[in-house]
Amino acid sequence: MNEVIVTSLDRKFKKIENEIRELALKILKTFKKQGIYLEIYLVNPQKMQFLNKKYRKKDKASEILSFKDPKKFIYPKSRNKRIGEIYLNGEKFINYDSAIKVFLLIHGILHLFGYQHNQKSDRIKMERLENKIFSKLI
């Protein structure tokens, strides 16, 4: 069984925590992944801009950022495998319709499983998988 923890770092995003959690669980199930532990944080645009600038050298607030867990980091024993953290721009997510939320979450989760879009061939592979998962959910 998968475990998704969604935490709002701003009170006004609390109302979408359950929706985001349920969407992430559906995506993991559709992706046929089990025994996964994922943390998702809803943050304000300023925090997203800070994280994006610090880790991606882009001075703007993005919609979503994914951070894979370090391979050799020691976590407490758990039955689920930690795959990383996702940060969502709560200001944008609170106003998006569910289809956009689903698509962006699929994108972020795929990054945690190692998919990238730096090369054209990688981008094509990732986009196909995003569309395949998206079509099963919508």
Protein backbone atom coordinates (compact mmCIF):
# COMPACT_ATOMS: atom_id res chain seq x y z
CA MET A 1 0.00 0.00 0.00
CA ASN A 2 1.26 3.46 -0.89
CA GLU A 3 1.49 6.36 1.51
CA VAL A 4 1.26 10.00 0.45
CA ILE A 5 1.63 12.77 2.99
CA VAL A 6 0.49 16.25 1.90
CA THR A 7 1.46 19.21 4.05
CA SER A 8 0.46 22.83 3.57
CA LEU A 9 3.11 25.29 4.58
CA ASP A 10 0.47 28.01 4.27
CA ARG A 11 -2.91 27.68 5.98
CA LYS A 12 -4.91 28.76 2.93
CA PHE A 13 -3.82 25.65 0.99
CA LYS A 14 -5.12 23.20 3.61
CA LYS A 15 -8.41 22.86 1.75
CA ILE A 16 -6.74 21.09 -1.20
CA GLU A 17 -4.54 18.70 0.81
CA ASN A 18 -6.94 15.75 0.58
CA GLU A 19 -7.58 16.30 -3.13
CA ILE A 20 -3.84 16.33 -3.88
CA ARG A 21 -3.27 13.23 -1.72
CA GLU A 22 -6.03 11.27 -3.48
CA LEU A 23 -4.78 12.31 -6.93
CA ALA A 24 -1.22 11.22 -6.08
CA LEU A 25 -2.46 7.86 -4.78
CA LYS A 26 -4.46 7.30 -7.98
CA ILE A 27 -1.43 8.17 -10.10
CA LEU A 28 0.79 5.72 -8.21
CA LYS A 29 -1.85 3.01 -8.57
CA THR A 30 -2.24 3.68 -12.31
CA PHE A 31 1.55 3.65 -12.64
CA LYS A 32 1.39 0.22 -10.94
CA LYS A 33 3.66 1.21 -8.10
CA GLN A 34 3.20 -0.24 -4.62
CA GLY A 35 5.01 0.27 -1.33
CA ILE A 36 5.83 3.90 -2.11
CA TYR A 37 6.13 6.74 0.42
CA LEU A 38 5.83 10.26 -1.02
CA GLU A 39 5.76 13.66 0.62
CA ILE A 40 4.06 16.63 -1.08
CA TYR A 41 4.31 20.19 0.18
CA LEU A 42 1.99 23.05 -0.77
CA VAL A 43 3.96 26.29 -0.60
CA ASN A 44 3.54 29.93 -1.54
CA PRO A 45 5.03 31.42 -4.72
CA GLN A 46 7.90 33.06 -2.82
CA LYS A 47 9.05 29.69 -1.45
CA MET A 48 8.75 28.14 -4.92
CA GLN A 49 10.85 30.93 -6.38
CA PHE A 50 13.46 30.47 -3.65
CA LEU A 51 13.65 26.70 -4.25
CA ASN A 52 13.71 27.09 -8.03
CA LYS A 53 16.51 29.65 -7.86
CA LYS A 54 18.55 27.65 -5.35
CA TYR A 55 18.28 24.23 -7.00
CA ARG A 56 17.59 24.98 -10.67
CA LYS A 57 19.15 28.46 -11.05
CA LYS A 58 15.84 29.84 -12.37
CA ASP A 59 14.64 32.99 -10.64
CA LYS A 60 10.90 32.42 -10.96
CA ALA A 61 8.18 30.55 -9.15
CA SER A 62 7.52 27.26 -10.89
CA GLU A 63 4.34 25.20 -10.56
CA ILE A 64 5.97 22.01 -9.34
CA LEU A 65 9.41 20.83 -8.22
CA SER A 66 10.44 17.23 -7.58
CA PHE A 67 13.39 16.20 -5.43
CA LYS A 68 14.49 12.57 -5.41
CA ASP A 69 15.65 11.24 -2.06
CA PRO A 70 19.41 10.79 -1.77
CA LYS A 71 20.37 7.15 -2.35
CA LYS A 72 22.51 6.67 0.75
CA PHE A 73 20.49 8.75 3.20
CA ILE A 74 19.44 6.68 6.22
CA TYR A 75 15.73 6.86 7.00
CA PRO A 76 13.84 5.18 9.81
CA LYS A 77 12.72 1.63 8.97
CA SER A 78 9.53 1.63 6.97
CA ARG A 79 7.55 -0.84 4.92
CA ASN A 80 7.34 1.75 2.13
CA LYS A 81 10.16 3.06 -0.05
CA ARG A 82 10.71 6.82 0.08
CA ILE A 83 11.04 8.23 -3.42
CA GLY A 84 11.30 11.93 -2.66
CA GLU A 85 9.43 15.16 -2.16
CA ILE A 86 7.27 17.25 -4.43
CA TYR A 87 6.69 20.96 -3.88
CA LEU A 88 3.58 22.50 -5.41
CA ASN A 89 2.89 26.17 -5.90
CA GLY A 90 -0.29 26.32 -3.80
CA GLU A 91 -1.42 29.65 -5.29
CA LYS A 92 -1.60 28.08 -8.72
CA PHE A 93 -2.85 24.65 -7.65
CA ILE A 94 -5.71 26.04 -5.61
CA ASN A 95 -7.14 27.61 -8.80
CA TYR A 96 -6.37 24.87 -11.35
CA ASP A 97 -9.03 22.45 -12.48
CA SER A 98 -8.46 18.82 -11.60
CA ALA A 99 -7.17 17.85 -15.07
CA ILE A 100 -4.25 20.30 -14.81
CA LYS A 101 -3.52 19.16 -11.25
CA VAL A 102 -3.46 15.53 -12.39
CA PHE A 103 -1.15 16.23 -15.31
CA LEU A 104 1.32 18.23 -13.24
CA LEU A 105 1.37 15.61 -10.48
CA ILE A 106 1.99 12.87 -13.04
CA HIS A 107 4.92 14.91 -14.35
CA GLY A 108 6.38 15.44 -10.88
CA ILE A 109 6.00 11.80 -9.85
CA LEU A 110 7.62 10.56 -13.05
CA HIS A 111 10.65 12.72 -12.25
CA LEU A 112 10.93 10.92 -8.92
CA PHE A 113 11.04 7.61 -10.78
CA GLY A 114 13.94 8.87 -12.88
CA TYR A 115 12.22 10.15 -16.00
CA GLN A 116 13.74 13.29 -17.50
CA HIS A 117 13.16 15.55 -20.47
CA ASN A 118 16.59 17.03 -21.12
CA GLN A 119 17.11 15.12 -24.38
CA LYS A 120 14.47 14.99 -27.12
CA SER A 121 14.22 11.18 -26.95
CA ASP A 122 13.76 11.31 -23.15
CA ARG A 123 11.14 14.04 -23.51
CA ILE A 124 9.18 11.97 -26.05
CA LYS A 125 9.29 8.90 -23.80
CA MET A 126 8.19 10.90 -20.76
CA GLU A 127 5.38 12.68 -22.62
CA ARG A 128 4.02 9.36 -23.93
CA LEU A 129 3.95 7.92 -20.44
CA GLU A 130 2.36 11.10 -19.04
CA ASN A 131 -0.37 10.92 -21.67
CA LYS A 132 -0.93 7.19 -21.10
CA ILE A 133 -1.36 7.64 -17.34
CA PHE A 134 -3.43 10.79 -17.81
CA SER A 135 -5.86 9.05 -20.18
CA LYS A 136 -6.45 6.31 -17.60
CA LEU A 137 -7.32 8.85 -14.92
CA ILE A 138 -9.48 11.34 -16.81
